[in-house]
Structures are given as structure tokens and as C-alpha cells.
N, C-alpha and C. Protein backbone atom coordinates (compact mmCIF):
# COMPACT_ATOMS: atom_id res chain seq x y z
N UNK A 1 10.60 43.09 -32.34
CA UNK A 1 9.45 41.72 -32.66
C UNK A 1 9.79 40.89 -31.95
N UNK A 2 11.12 40.45 -32.67
CA UNK A 2 12.13 39.90 -32.35
C UNK A 2 12.64 39.51 -31.08
N UNK A 3 12.54 40.77 -30.30
CA UNK A 3 13.34 40.12 -28.60
C UNK A 3 11.97 39.92 -28.38
N UNK A 4 10.50 40.08 -28.30
CA UNK A 4 9.55 39.87 -27.90
C UNK A 4 9.32 38.05 -28.21
N UNK A 5 9.27 37.71 -29.60
CA UNK A 5 9.30 36.45 -29.98
C UNK A 5 10.43 35.47 -29.03
N UNK A 6 11.48 36.13 -28.78
CA UNK A 6 12.21 35.08 -28.15
C UNK A 6 12.54 34.83 -26.98
N UNK A 7 11.66 35.88 -26.14
CA UNK A 7 11.44 35.70 -24.86
C UNK A 7 9.74 35.50 -24.41
N UNK A 8 9.29 35.52 -24.77
CA UNK A 8 7.69 34.88 -24.44
C UNK A 8 7.17 34.23 -25.89
N UNK A 9 8.08 33.76 -26.85
CA UNK A 9 7.30 32.92 -27.42
C UNK A 9 6.78 31.65 -27.29
N UNK A 10 7.87 30.97 -26.46
CA UNK A 10 7.55 29.64 -26.19
C UNK A 10 6.33 29.90 -25.03
N UNK A 11 5.88 30.43 -24.37
CA UNK A 11 5.22 30.63 -23.02
C UNK A 11 3.37 31.10 -23.96
N UNK A 12 3.82 32.02 -24.97
CA UNK A 12 2.55 32.04 -25.54
C UNK A 12 1.94 30.83 -26.55
N UNK A 13 2.69 30.11 -27.07
CA UNK A 13 2.62 29.04 -27.65
C UNK A 13 1.80 28.16 -26.82
N UNK A 14 2.71 27.52 -25.90
CA UNK A 14 2.23 26.89 -24.72
C UNK A 14 0.79 27.49 -23.89
N UNK A 15 0.63 28.52 -24.09
CA UNK A 15 -0.60 29.20 -23.62
C UNK A 15 -2.01 28.95 -24.79
N UNK A 16 -1.49 28.86 -25.54
CA UNK A 16 -2.51 28.90 -26.75
C UNK A 16 -2.66 27.45 -26.94
N UNK A 17 -2.20 26.38 -26.82
CA UNK A 17 -2.20 25.35 -26.85
C UNK A 17 -3.00 24.53 -25.65
N UNK A 18 -2.55 25.05 -24.48
CA UNK A 18 -3.17 24.70 -23.95
C UNK A 18 -4.74 24.69 -23.23
N UNK A 19 -4.86 26.34 -23.62
CA UNK A 19 -6.34 26.62 -23.89
C UNK A 19 -6.86 26.34 -25.05
N UNK A 20 -6.65 26.18 -26.61
CA UNK A 20 -7.42 25.73 -27.12
C UNK A 20 -7.93 24.02 -27.06
N UNK A 21 -6.83 23.09 -26.14
CA UNK A 21 -7.04 21.55 -25.56
C UNK A 21 -7.82 22.03 -24.65
N UNK A 22 -8.17 22.64 -23.96
CA UNK A 22 -9.37 22.55 -22.86
C UNK A 22 -10.57 22.90 -24.02
N UNK A 23 -10.32 23.96 -24.79
CA UNK A 23 -11.50 23.97 -25.81
C UNK A 23 -11.90 25.28 -25.77
N UNK A 24 -11.28 26.00 -25.54
CA UNK A 24 -11.29 27.41 -26.24
C UNK A 24 -10.84 27.79 -27.45
N UNK A 25 -11.42 28.34 -28.51
CA UNK A 25 -10.80 28.29 -30.19
C UNK A 25 -9.53 29.58 -30.14
N UNK A 26 -8.52 29.18 -30.07
CA UNK A 26 -7.49 29.88 -30.33
C UNK A 26 -6.39 29.33 -31.53
N UNK A 27 -5.95 30.54 -32.43
CA UNK A 27 -4.98 29.92 -33.72
C UNK A 27 -3.55 29.07 -32.73
N UNK A 28 -4.26 28.01 -31.99
CA UNK A 28 -2.69 27.43 -31.01
C UNK A 28 -1.57 26.84 -32.52
N UNK A 29 -2.43 26.09 -33.49
CA UNK A 29 -1.59 25.86 -34.67
C UNK A 29 -0.84 26.76 -35.49
N UNK A 30 -1.61 27.55 -35.78
CA UNK A 30 -0.80 28.89 -36.47
C UNK A 30 0.60 29.39 -35.72
N UNK A 31 0.23 29.24 -34.37
CA UNK A 31 1.09 30.13 -33.32
C UNK A 31 2.31 28.81 -33.23
N UNK A 32 1.99 27.72 -33.28
CA UNK A 32 3.09 26.97 -32.91
C UNK A 32 4.11 26.82 -34.38
N UNK A 33 2.99 26.64 -35.48
CA UNK A 33 4.53 27.39 -37.09
C UNK A 33 4.78 28.22 -36.89
N UNK A 34 4.07 29.63 -36.43
CA UNK A 34 5.46 30.28 -36.51
C UNK A 34 6.19 30.46 -35.50
N UNK A 35 6.30 30.02 -34.45
CA UNK A 35 6.99 30.24 -33.54
C UNK A 35 8.61 28.90 -34.09
N UNK A 36 7.81 27.68 -34.43
CA UNK A 36 8.78 26.86 -35.10
C UNK A 36 9.70 27.69 -36.09
N UNK A 37 8.75 28.07 -37.08
CA UNK A 37 9.60 29.03 -38.38
C UNK A 37 10.99 29.73 -37.64
N UNK A 38 10.38 30.80 -36.54
CA UNK A 38 11.22 31.91 -36.18
C UNK A 38 12.32 31.13 -35.45
N UNK A 39 12.26 30.17 -34.71
CA UNK A 39 13.20 29.57 -34.10
C UNK A 39 14.70 29.04 -35.32
N UNK A 40 14.15 28.59 -36.44
CA UNK A 40 14.81 28.00 -37.43
C UNK A 40 15.53 29.25 -38.07
N UNK A 41 15.32 30.98 -37.45
CA UNK A 41 15.23 31.83 -38.25
C UNK A 41 16.59 32.77 -36.78
N UNK A 42 16.96 31.84 -36.12
CA UNK A 42 17.50 32.24 -35.51
C UNK A 42 17.17 33.37 -34.71
N UNK A 43 15.76 33.24 -33.78
CA UNK A 43 15.41 34.27 -33.05
C UNK A 43 15.42 34.07 -31.52
N UNK A 44 16.15 33.46 -31.07
CA UNK A 44 16.51 33.17 -29.71
C UNK A 44 15.54 31.94 -29.46
N UNK A 45 14.89 31.18 -30.02
CA UNK A 45 13.99 30.37 -29.80
C UNK A 45 14.76 28.85 -29.79
N UNK A 46 14.97 27.97 -29.08
CA UNK A 46 15.02 27.03 -29.27
C UNK A 46 13.98 25.71 -29.40
N UNK A 47 14.17 24.86 -30.57
CA UNK A 47 13.23 23.96 -30.95
C UNK A 47 12.68 22.92 -30.19
N UNK A 48 13.87 22.83 -29.36
CA UNK A 48 13.55 21.47 -28.56
C UNK A 48 12.65 21.87 -27.12
N UNK A 49 12.85 23.07 -26.69
CA UNK A 49 12.06 23.70 -25.67
C UNK A 49 10.66 24.05 -26.02
N UNK A 50 10.72 24.33 -27.35
CA UNK A 50 9.07 25.06 -27.84
C UNK A 50 8.87 23.36 -27.75
N UNK A 51 8.86 22.76 -28.41
CA UNK A 51 8.19 21.27 -28.28
C UNK A 51 8.01 20.35 -27.02
N UNK A 52 8.95 20.57 -26.18
CA UNK A 52 8.74 20.12 -25.05
C UNK A 52 7.79 21.00 -24.13
N UNK A 53 7.79 22.06 -24.11
CA UNK A 53 6.58 22.96 -23.71
C UNK A 53 5.42 23.01 -24.30
N UNK A 54 5.45 22.80 -25.39
CA UNK A 54 4.05 22.63 -26.12
C UNK A 54 3.61 21.21 -25.89
N UNK A 55 3.93 20.35 -25.74
CA UNK A 55 3.72 19.02 -25.36
C UNK A 55 2.73 18.93 -24.33
N UNK A 56 3.71 19.56 -22.82
CA UNK A 56 3.27 19.34 -21.87
C UNK A 56 1.91 20.51 -21.70
N UNK A 57 1.89 21.63 -22.43
CA UNK A 57 0.87 22.26 -22.21
C UNK A 57 -0.13 22.01 -22.81
N UNK A 58 -0.18 20.86 -24.20
CA UNK A 58 -1.08 19.74 -24.58
C UNK A 58 -1.70 18.85 -23.57
N UNK A 59 -0.93 18.30 -23.37
CA UNK A 59 -0.93 17.34 -22.49
C UNK A 59 -2.32 17.90 -21.16
N UNK A 60 -1.49 18.87 -20.20
CA UNK A 60 -2.59 19.51 -19.38
C UNK A 60 -3.69 20.07 -19.62
N UNK A 61 -3.41 20.74 -20.99
CA UNK A 61 -5.21 21.24 -21.11
C UNK A 61 -5.92 19.97 -22.00
N UNK A 62 -5.82 19.07 -22.25
CA UNK A 62 -6.73 17.82 -22.40
C UNK A 62 -7.04 17.52 -20.80
N UNK A 63 -6.31 16.70 -20.18
CA UNK A 63 -6.36 16.54 -18.83
C UNK A 63 -7.48 17.47 -18.24
N UNK A 64 -7.31 18.44 -17.89
CA UNK A 64 -8.21 19.72 -17.77
C UNK A 64 -9.63 19.71 -18.57
N UNK A 65 -9.62 19.68 -20.00
CA UNK A 65 -10.54 19.31 -20.39
C UNK A 65 -11.49 17.85 -20.15
N UNK A 66 -10.83 17.03 -19.80
CA UNK A 66 -11.44 15.85 -19.88
C UNK A 66 -12.05 15.90 -18.24
N UNK A 67 -11.42 16.74 -17.54
CA UNK A 67 -12.26 16.42 -15.97
C UNK A 67 -13.27 17.82 -16.26
N UNK A 68 -13.26 18.64 -16.73
CA UNK A 68 -14.45 19.25 -17.52
C UNK A 68 -15.81 18.54 -17.67
N UNK A 69 -15.40 17.95 -18.46
CA UNK A 69 -16.22 17.13 -19.36
C UNK A 69 -16.64 16.06 -18.54
N UNK A 70 -16.04 15.42 -17.56
CA UNK A 70 -16.47 14.44 -16.32
C UNK A 70 -17.34 15.14 -15.44
N UNK A 71 -16.86 16.30 -15.23
CA UNK A 71 -17.77 16.82 -14.31
C UNK A 71 -19.18 17.37 -14.41
N UNK A 72 -18.88 18.28 -15.70
CA UNK A 72 -20.32 19.03 -16.02
C UNK A 72 -20.84 18.43 -17.33
N UNK A 73 -20.18 17.59 -18.08
CA UNK A 73 -20.84 16.92 -18.95
C UNK A 73 -21.37 17.78 -20.30
N UNK A 74 -22.35 17.26 -20.69
CA UNK A 74 -23.12 17.25 -22.04
C UNK A 74 -23.94 18.84 -22.04
N UNK A 75 -24.08 19.43 -20.66
CA UNK A 75 -24.98 20.36 -20.18
C UNK A 75 -24.12 21.14 -20.58
N UNK A 76 -23.00 20.98 -20.16
CA UNK A 76 -21.91 22.20 -20.33
C UNK A 76 -21.71 22.71 -21.86
N UNK A 77 -21.29 21.87 -22.88
CA UNK A 77 -21.48 22.20 -24.11
C UNK A 77 -22.49 22.82 -24.60
N UNK A 78 -23.90 22.33 -24.45
CA UNK A 78 -24.99 22.79 -24.99
C UNK A 78 -25.16 24.05 -24.24
N UNK A 79 -24.72 24.44 -23.37
CA UNK A 79 -24.98 25.83 -22.80
C UNK A 79 -23.82 26.81 -23.09
N UNK A 80 -23.01 26.27 -23.13
CA UNK A 80 -21.80 27.57 -23.61
C UNK A 80 -21.11 27.32 -24.77
N UNK A 81 -21.22 26.24 -25.87
CA UNK A 81 -20.15 26.00 -26.75
C UNK A 81 -20.36 26.83 -27.84
N UNK A 82 -21.43 27.14 -28.29
CA UNK A 82 -21.63 27.89 -29.27
C UNK A 82 -20.74 29.40 -29.23
N UNK A 83 -20.71 29.65 -27.95
CA UNK A 83 -19.63 31.04 -27.50
C UNK A 83 -18.46 30.68 -27.82
N UNK A 84 -17.81 29.57 -27.93
CA UNK A 84 -16.20 29.01 -28.29
C UNK A 84 -16.40 28.29 -29.41
N UNK A 85 -17.28 28.65 -30.50
CA UNK A 85 -17.33 27.94 -31.73
C UNK A 85 -17.60 26.59 -31.74
N UNK A 86 -18.42 25.84 -31.08
CA UNK A 86 -18.62 24.48 -30.56
C UNK A 86 -20.39 24.49 -31.19
N UNK A 87 -20.82 24.44 -32.59
CA UNK A 87 -22.39 24.71 -32.81
C UNK A 87 -22.99 23.29 -32.08
N UNK A 88 -23.89 23.13 -32.09
CA UNK A 88 -24.52 22.28 -31.75
C UNK A 88 -24.43 20.92 -32.84
N UNK A 89 -24.37 21.28 -34.26
CA UNK A 89 -24.02 20.21 -35.09
C UNK A 89 -22.46 19.59 -34.72
N UNK A 90 -21.70 20.49 -34.81
CA UNK A 90 -20.14 20.06 -34.34
C UNK A 90 -19.92 19.15 -33.00
N UNK A 91 -21.30 19.24 -31.93
CA UNK A 91 -20.97 18.75 -30.82
C UNK A 91 -21.63 17.41 -31.41
N UNK A 92 -22.70 17.16 -31.92
CA UNK A 92 -23.25 15.91 -32.11
C UNK A 92 -21.94 15.23 -33.56
N UNK A 93 -21.59 15.97 -33.96
CA UNK A 93 -20.31 14.91 -35.26
C UNK A 93 -19.19 14.40 -33.84
N UNK A 94 -18.87 15.21 -33.32
CA UNK A 94 -18.07 14.69 -32.44
C UNK A 94 -18.45 13.72 -31.37
N UNK A 95 -19.75 13.88 -30.96
CA UNK A 95 -20.14 13.05 -29.88
C UNK A 95 -20.40 11.15 -31.20
N UNK A 96 -20.41 11.52 -32.32
CA UNK A 96 -20.62 10.36 -33.30
C UNK A 96 -19.36 10.09 -33.32
N UNK A 97 -18.78 10.81 -33.76
CA UNK A 97 -17.06 9.90 -33.97
C UNK A 97 -16.62 9.27 -32.53
N UNK A 98 -16.37 9.93 -31.33
CA UNK A 98 -16.28 9.63 -30.44
C UNK A 98 -16.92 7.90 -29.72
N UNK A 99 -18.70 7.64 -30.19
CA UNK A 99 -19.12 6.70 -30.02
C UNK A 99 -18.79 5.47 -30.83
N UNK A 100 -18.24 6.53 -32.31
CA UNK A 100 -17.97 4.90 -33.05
C UNK A 100 -16.31 4.61 -33.34
N UNK A 101 -15.70 5.70 -32.80
CA UNK A 101 -14.03 4.79 -32.94
C UNK A 101 -13.77 5.34 -31.38
N UNK A 102 -13.96 5.68 -30.32
CA UNK A 102 -13.57 5.76 -29.13
C UNK A 102 -12.00 6.54 -28.95
N UNK A 103 -10.90 5.77 -28.63
CA UNK A 103 -9.70 6.19 -28.44
C UNK A 103 -9.25 6.82 -29.60
N UNK A 104 -9.39 6.14 -30.77
CA UNK A 104 -8.73 6.44 -32.08
C UNK A 104 -9.66 7.85 -32.30
N UNK A 105 -10.46 8.49 -32.18
CA UNK A 105 -11.17 9.45 -32.31
C UNK A 105 -10.46 10.62 -31.65
N UNK A 106 -9.66 10.25 -30.39
CA UNK A 106 -9.01 11.04 -29.59
C UNK A 106 -7.84 11.62 -30.15
N UNK A 107 -7.21 10.47 -30.71
CA UNK A 107 -5.89 10.87 -31.32
C UNK A 107 -6.20 11.41 -32.62
N UNK A 108 -7.08 11.39 -33.55
CA UNK A 108 -7.14 11.89 -34.83
C UNK A 108 -7.48 13.41 -34.76
N UNK A 109 -8.38 13.39 -33.66
CA UNK A 109 -9.12 14.76 -33.31
C UNK A 109 -8.22 15.81 -33.20
N UNK A 110 -6.93 15.31 -32.73
CA UNK A 110 -5.80 16.65 -32.20
C UNK A 110 -5.41 17.03 -33.48
N UNK A 111 -6.11 16.08 -34.79
CA UNK A 111 -5.24 16.94 -36.21
C UNK A 111 -5.98 17.79 -37.11
N UNK A 112 -7.43 17.59 -36.22
CA UNK A 112 -8.42 18.30 -37.02
C UNK A 112 -9.52 19.57 -36.24
N UNK A 113 -9.13 20.42 -36.85
CA UNK A 113 -9.47 21.79 -36.61
C UNK A 113 -11.25 21.61 -35.90
N UNK A 114 -11.82 22.39 -35.10
CA UNK A 114 -12.82 22.31 -34.46
C UNK A 114 -13.01 21.09 -33.59
N UNK A 115 -13.03 19.83 -33.99
CA UNK A 115 -12.78 18.78 -33.32
C UNK A 115 -11.66 18.57 -32.31
N UNK A 116 -10.31 18.88 -32.54
CA UNK A 116 -9.27 18.85 -31.36
C UNK A 116 -9.89 19.70 -30.30
N UNK A 117 -10.92 20.94 -30.36
CA UNK A 117 -11.29 21.58 -29.16
C UNK A 117 -12.40 20.90 -28.35
N UNK A 118 -12.87 19.72 -28.76
CA UNK A 118 -14.00 19.34 -27.81
C UNK A 118 -13.31 17.81 -27.66
N UNK A 119 -12.21 17.06 -28.22
CA UNK A 119 -12.51 15.85 -28.02
C UNK A 119 -12.07 15.66 -26.46
N UNK A 120 -11.36 16.60 -25.98
CA UNK A 120 -10.96 15.91 -24.60
C UNK A 120 -12.62 15.88 -23.42
N UNK A 121 -13.46 17.20 -23.68
CA UNK A 121 -14.34 17.37 -23.14
C UNK A 121 -15.46 16.30 -23.20
N UNK A 122 -15.32 15.84 -25.06
CA UNK A 122 -16.30 14.74 -25.27
C UNK A 122 -15.93 13.34 -24.35
N UNK A 123 -14.61 12.98 -24.35
CA UNK A 123 -14.11 12.00 -23.84
C UNK A 123 -14.41 11.86 -22.62
N UNK A 124 -14.07 12.98 -21.82
CA UNK A 124 -15.05 12.97 -20.45
C UNK A 124 -16.42 12.87 -19.95
N UNK A 125 -17.32 13.66 -21.16
CA UNK A 125 -18.52 13.56 -20.92
C UNK A 125 -19.06 12.15 -21.15
N UNK A 126 -18.16 11.25 -21.96
CA UNK A 126 -18.74 10.13 -22.51
C UNK A 126 -18.03 8.97 -21.34
N UNK A 127 -17.49 9.30 -20.33
CA UNK A 127 -16.62 8.81 -19.42
C UNK A 127 -16.15 7.60 -19.78
N UNK A 128 -15.24 8.40 -20.63
CA UNK A 128 -13.92 7.20 -21.29
C UNK A 128 -12.98 6.38 -20.36
N UNK A 129 -12.29 5.68 -20.17
CA UNK A 129 -11.52 5.29 -19.12
C UNK A 129 -10.46 6.25 -19.24
N UNK A 130 -9.74 6.48 -17.95
CA UNK A 130 -8.80 7.41 -17.64
C UNK A 130 -7.61 7.12 -18.41
N UNK A 131 -7.03 6.54 -18.14
CA UNK A 131 -5.61 5.66 -18.46
C UNK A 131 -5.90 5.61 -20.10
N UNK A 132 -6.70 5.07 -21.04
CA UNK A 132 -6.75 5.02 -22.25
C UNK A 132 -6.89 6.51 -22.77
N UNK A 133 -7.79 7.80 -22.34
CA UNK A 133 -7.56 8.45 -22.34
C UNK A 133 -6.13 9.28 -22.51
N UNK A 134 -5.44 8.99 -21.45
CA UNK A 134 -4.14 9.59 -20.93
C UNK A 134 -3.02 9.01 -22.13
N UNK A 135 -3.39 8.13 -22.59
CA UNK A 135 -2.69 7.39 -23.60
C UNK A 135 -2.86 8.38 -24.70
N UNK A 136 -3.95 8.16 -25.55
CA UNK A 136 -4.16 8.77 -26.53
C UNK A 136 -4.38 9.87 -27.17
N UNK A 137 -4.50 10.79 -25.80
CA UNK A 137 -4.23 12.22 -25.94
C UNK A 137 -2.70 12.69 -26.10
N UNK A 138 -1.90 11.84 -24.84
CA UNK A 138 -0.99 12.27 -25.00
C UNK A 138 0.17 11.90 -26.33
N UNK A 139 -0.14 10.70 -26.61
CA UNK A 139 0.87 10.45 -27.93
C UNK A 139 0.08 10.94 -29.07
N UNK A 140 -1.19 11.34 -28.73
CA UNK A 140 -1.67 12.51 -30.17
C UNK A 140 -1.01 14.02 -29.95
N UNK A 141 -0.49 14.60 -29.03
CA UNK A 141 -0.39 15.50 -28.62
C UNK A 141 1.40 15.65 -29.22
N UNK A 142 2.01 14.60 -28.70
CA UNK A 142 3.68 14.70 -29.03
C UNK A 142 3.57 14.48 -30.70
N UNK A 143 2.33 13.59 -31.23
CA UNK A 143 2.72 13.32 -32.20
C UNK A 143 2.64 14.65 -33.21
N UNK A 144 1.33 15.71 -32.95
CA UNK A 144 1.11 16.44 -33.54
C UNK A 144 2.03 17.58 -33.52
N UNK A 145 2.59 17.87 -32.14
CA UNK A 145 3.62 19.02 -32.38
C UNK A 145 4.84 18.69 -32.93
N UNK A 146 5.22 17.50 -33.09
CA UNK A 146 6.45 17.29 -33.37
C UNK A 146 6.45 17.34 -34.69
N UNK A 147 5.44 17.10 -35.52
CA UNK A 147 5.40 17.05 -37.06
C UNK A 147 5.16 18.19 -37.44
N UNK A 148 4.36 19.22 -36.82
CA UNK A 148 4.09 20.21 -36.80
C UNK A 148 5.28 21.17 -36.76
N UNK A 149 6.09 21.33 -35.58
CA UNK A 149 6.86 21.70 -35.23
C UNK A 149 8.26 21.82 -35.99
N UNK A 150 8.66 20.38 -36.18
CA UNK A 150 9.96 20.06 -36.85
C UNK A 150 9.21 20.58 -38.02
N UNK A 151 8.21 20.31 -39.14
CA UNK A 151 8.30 20.47 -40.25
C UNK A 151 8.37 22.19 -40.49
N UNK A 152 7.94 22.62 -39.72
CA UNK A 152 8.06 24.43 -39.84
C UNK A 152 9.42 24.70 -39.53
N UNK A 153 9.97 24.16 -38.57
CA UNK A 153 11.68 24.30 -38.34
C UNK A 153 12.51 23.95 -39.22
N UNK A 154 12.03 22.90 -40.21
CA UNK A 154 12.90 22.89 -41.21
C UNK A 154 12.81 23.39 -42.50
N UNK A 155 11.65 23.73 -42.51
CA UNK A 155 11.27 24.83 -43.72
C UNK A 155 12.11 26.31 -43.64
N UNK A 156 11.94 26.71 -42.20
CA UNK A 156 12.38 27.75 -41.77
C UNK A 156 14.02 27.98 -41.92
N UNK A 157 14.59 26.85 -41.56
CA UNK A 157 16.05 26.79 -42.05
C UNK A 157 16.05 26.32 -43.58
N UNK A 158 15.40 25.72 -43.96
CA UNK A 158 15.85 25.40 -45.79
C UNK A 158 15.43 27.04 -46.26
N UNK A 159 14.53 27.81 -45.94
CA UNK A 159 14.23 29.12 -46.77
C UNK A 159 15.37 30.23 -46.17
N UNK A 160 15.91 30.02 -45.03
CA UNK A 160 17.02 30.81 -44.49
C UNK A 160 18.28 30.84 -45.38
N UNK A 161 18.43 29.57 -45.29
CA UNK A 161 19.90 29.19 -46.04
C UNK A 161 19.75 29.13 -47.28
N UNK A 162 18.57 28.32 -47.97
CA UNK A 162 18.43 28.61 -49.22
C UNK A 162 17.26 28.22 -50.01
N UNK A 163 17.08 29.80 -50.11
CA UNK A 163 16.18 30.52 -50.59
C UNK A 163 15.65 30.29 -52.41
N UNK A 164 15.59 29.03 -52.40
CA UNK A 164 15.41 28.18 -53.60
C UNK A 164 14.07 28.36 -54.18
N UNK A 165 13.79 28.03 -55.68
CA UNK A 165 12.03 27.83 -55.46
C UNK A 165 11.67 26.44 -54.97
N UNK A 166 12.61 25.35 -54.87
CA UNK A 166 11.96 24.11 -54.17
C UNK A 166 11.81 24.37 -52.71
N UNK A 167 12.47 25.39 -52.13
CA UNK A 167 12.11 25.61 -50.65
C UNK A 167 10.88 26.54 -50.95
N UNK A 168 11.13 27.14 -51.90
CA UNK A 168 9.32 28.17 -51.69
C UNK A 168 7.75 27.32 -51.83
N UNK A 169 8.31 26.20 -52.83
CA UNK A 169 7.39 25.35 -53.23
C UNK A 169 6.88 24.60 -51.84
N UNK A 170 7.62 24.46 -51.33
CA UNK A 170 7.54 23.50 -50.20
C UNK A 170 7.08 24.29 -48.90
N UNK A 171 7.37 25.57 -48.98
CA UNK A 171 6.48 26.24 -47.92
C UNK A 171 4.78 26.66 -48.23
N UNK A 172 4.59 26.92 -49.64
CA UNK A 172 3.22 26.86 -50.07
C UNK A 172 2.57 25.61 -50.10
N UNK A 173 3.40 24.52 -50.22
CA UNK A 173 2.69 23.04 -49.86
C UNK A 173 2.11 23.04 -48.73
N UNK A 174 2.93 23.23 -47.64
CA UNK A 174 2.73 23.40 -46.45
C UNK A 174 1.72 24.26 -45.38
N UNK A 175 1.54 25.31 -46.37
CA UNK A 175 0.62 26.60 -45.88
C UNK A 175 -0.80 25.79 -46.28
N UNK A 176 -0.73 25.65 -47.82
CA UNK A 176 -2.06 24.96 -48.36
C UNK A 176 -2.49 23.61 -47.62
N UNK A 177 -1.20 22.78 -46.94
CA UNK A 177 -2.03 21.61 -46.09
C UNK A 177 -3.02 21.83 -44.91
N UNK A 178 -2.30 23.27 -43.99
CA UNK A 178 -2.86 23.83 -43.11
C UNK A 178 -4.40 24.49 -43.26
N UNK A 179 -4.51 25.18 -44.42
CA UNK A 179 -5.39 25.86 -44.65
C UNK A 179 -6.68 24.77 -45.05
N UNK A 180 -5.75 23.65 -45.25
CA UNK A 180 -6.96 22.55 -46.29
C UNK A 180 -7.92 21.97 -45.24
N UNK A 181 -7.26 21.77 -44.14
CA UNK A 181 -7.87 20.62 -42.88
C UNK A 181 -9.15 21.64 -42.53
N UNK A 182 -9.42 22.78 -42.18
CA UNK A 182 -10.44 23.41 -42.11
C UNK A 182 -11.23 23.80 -42.92
N UNK A 183 -10.73 23.78 -44.12
CA UNK A 183 -11.77 23.94 -45.43
C UNK A 183 -12.65 22.52 -45.81
N UNK A 184 -11.90 21.73 -45.79
CA UNK A 184 -12.19 20.14 -46.02
C UNK A 184 -13.60 19.96 -44.79
N UNK A 185 -13.09 20.54 -43.58
CA UNK A 185 -14.26 20.15 -42.56
C UNK A 185 -15.27 20.96 -42.69
N UNK A 186 -15.37 21.89 -43.21
CA UNK A 186 -16.29 22.97 -43.17
C UNK A 186 -17.51 22.57 -44.84
N UNK A 187 -16.57 21.81 -45.49
CA UNK A 187 -17.17 21.46 -46.88
C UNK A 187 -18.15 20.05 -46.54
N UNK A 188 -17.53 19.50 -45.57
CA UNK A 188 -18.02 18.12 -45.15
C UNK A 188 -18.77 18.32 -44.04
N UNK A 189 -18.72 19.21 -43.22
CA UNK A 189 -19.78 19.17 -42.17
C UNK A 189 -21.29 18.81 -42.43
N UNK A 190 -21.93 19.29 -43.48
CA UNK A 190 -23.78 18.88 -43.32
C UNK A 190 -23.28 17.33 -43.67
N UNK A 191 -22.79 16.84 -44.11
CA UNK A 191 -22.79 15.23 -44.44
C UNK A 191 -22.30 14.71 -43.24
N UNK A 192 -21.11 15.15 -42.59
CA UNK A 192 -21.02 14.50 -41.28
C UNK A 192 -22.01 14.61 -40.20
N UNK A 193 -22.83 15.84 -40.50
CA UNK A 193 -23.67 16.02 -39.34
C UNK A 193 -24.70 15.26 -39.56
N UNK A 194 -25.05 14.50 -40.96
CA UNK A 194 -26.43 13.67 -41.37
C UNK A 194 -26.22 12.15 -40.62
N UNK A 195 -24.46 11.77 -40.94
CA UNK A 195 -24.38 10.62 -40.35
C UNK A 195 -24.00 10.80 -39.16
N UNK A 196 -23.87 11.48 -38.38
CA UNK A 196 -23.76 11.75 -37.07
C UNK A 196 -25.21 11.53 -35.91
N UNK A 197 -26.37 12.10 -36.87
CA UNK A 197 -27.49 12.01 -36.52
C UNK A 197 -28.16 10.56 -36.74
N UNK A 198 -28.02 10.14 -37.96
CA UNK A 198 -28.39 8.51 -38.30
C UNK A 198 -27.79 7.74 -36.94
N UNK A 199 -26.63 8.11 -36.92
CA UNK A 199 -25.57 6.79 -36.17
C UNK A 199 -26.18 6.70 -34.68
N UNK A 200 -26.18 8.25 -34.16
CA UNK A 200 -26.72 8.24 -32.57
C UNK A 200 -28.20 8.17 -32.46
N UNK A 201 -29.27 8.65 -33.57
CA UNK A 201 -30.29 8.05 -33.58
C UNK A 201 -30.29 5.90 -33.60
N UNK A 202 -29.55 5.74 -33.86
CA UNK A 202 -29.46 3.81 -34.33
C UNK A 202 -29.15 3.28 -32.64
N UNK A 203 -29.21 4.01 -31.84
CA UNK A 203 -28.71 3.92 -30.42
C UNK A 203 -27.18 3.06 -30.18
N UNK A 204 -26.60 3.28 -30.80
CA UNK A 204 -24.92 2.98 -30.50
C UNK A 204 -24.29 3.60 -29.12
N UNK A 205 -23.90 2.90 -28.14
CA UNK A 205 -23.07 3.12 -27.00
C UNK A 205 -21.92 3.64 -27.17
N UNK A 206 -21.49 4.43 -26.32
CA UNK A 206 -20.49 5.06 -26.19
C UNK A 206 -19.21 3.90 -25.69
N UNK A 207 -18.52 4.24 -26.34
CA UNK A 207 -17.36 3.74 -26.16
C UNK A 207 -16.33 3.81 -24.73
N UNK A 208 -15.92 3.09 -23.91
CA UNK A 208 -15.32 3.06 -22.39
C UNK A 208 -14.19 3.67 -23.02
N UNK A 209 -13.45 2.91 -24.06
CA UNK A 209 -11.99 2.83 -24.41
C UNK A 209 -11.71 3.48 -25.65
């Protein structure tokens, strides 16, 4: 397993992140955290190579997703979205957040499950300015990967060198944080959908920036 991770780990993580950024629901976040943890445990993975490859993959994936949205638009989401975990309700929530926050939504969505999958496609569908999208998506991807990657790497080092109660508590806290985000999204999904339906029906126009 260690040899497999050291040889293919970076490419697997990069592929997961790229495909998730396009819109395919894959455990990219978990893969990134696991690979960074393995890197700290000397499994032949270089943390900066992992971060670089993951960032490039995220940026490329989001650009592809953006142009898919620009080319095929809302019809594609409604027809195939449910097969990829993008329910009609989640699409409506994403549309409302994009209409309300524009480029800020692209940045914030990178850190949120479900929305991370559709942010790029929604940006393309709503004809967001290319330059603004590229800047927001690239900075979000870099921030997300550096934060999660380095956090997992530092925890792995602490756990390997000092398997203390403090290190264990830190690891549990990090795991709870990762698990809490999707749980909160599911808990408030109905409320967000109600706000989305009201906001979209009020005639707000999409941001172009």
C-alpha cells in the first residue's frame, strides 16, 4: 500500500480534484487529506509536489466546468445533475447564491460540499466574466488545498513524532471539522432552498462579476 501511495498518490488526488471540480462527486477532500497525512509519514510523497499538482488540477477542472456551463448551460444541469448528486434543489440553491454573491460564491463554494461540484458550471451558465471567474476560482483552489493539505501534513508529523493526547485531540478536531461541513449543509438545505426560491422569484438578476 505504501508503495502504491508513493507512486500514484499525487496523480490519484489530482484526478479526483479535477473531476470533482468539473462536477463529478468524488471524495477529493478526503483524498487530499489522506495523501498529505501519508506525506508526513514518509511514504514517498512530497507535500509541495502534492499541493502544486492538486492546485493545478483544481484550476483546470474548474475551467473545464466553467466552459461546460457556458456551452450547455442550465439544461445540462437539470437533465444530468441528479445522477451526479446535484438535485434540483441544490441547483436552485447554487443559482441563488451565485445571483446574490457572484464571485464571492465561487470562492466560498470551494470550501462547501455539494456546492463545490456545481460552482464552476453555474458560473459558466450565468455568463460570469471569464477574468473574474479565473481569479476567484484559482485563489479559492489554492487557499483550500494549502489549508487542508498543510493541516493534514502538520497533523501527520505531530502524530508520528509525538503521539500525545494533544495530537490525538487535534486530529479528532480536524476530522470533526471535515465531517461537520456536509452535515450542516444537509441540515440547512431545506431552509436554504426556501430562501433560494424566494430570492429567485423576486427577479434578482445574476452577477456578471
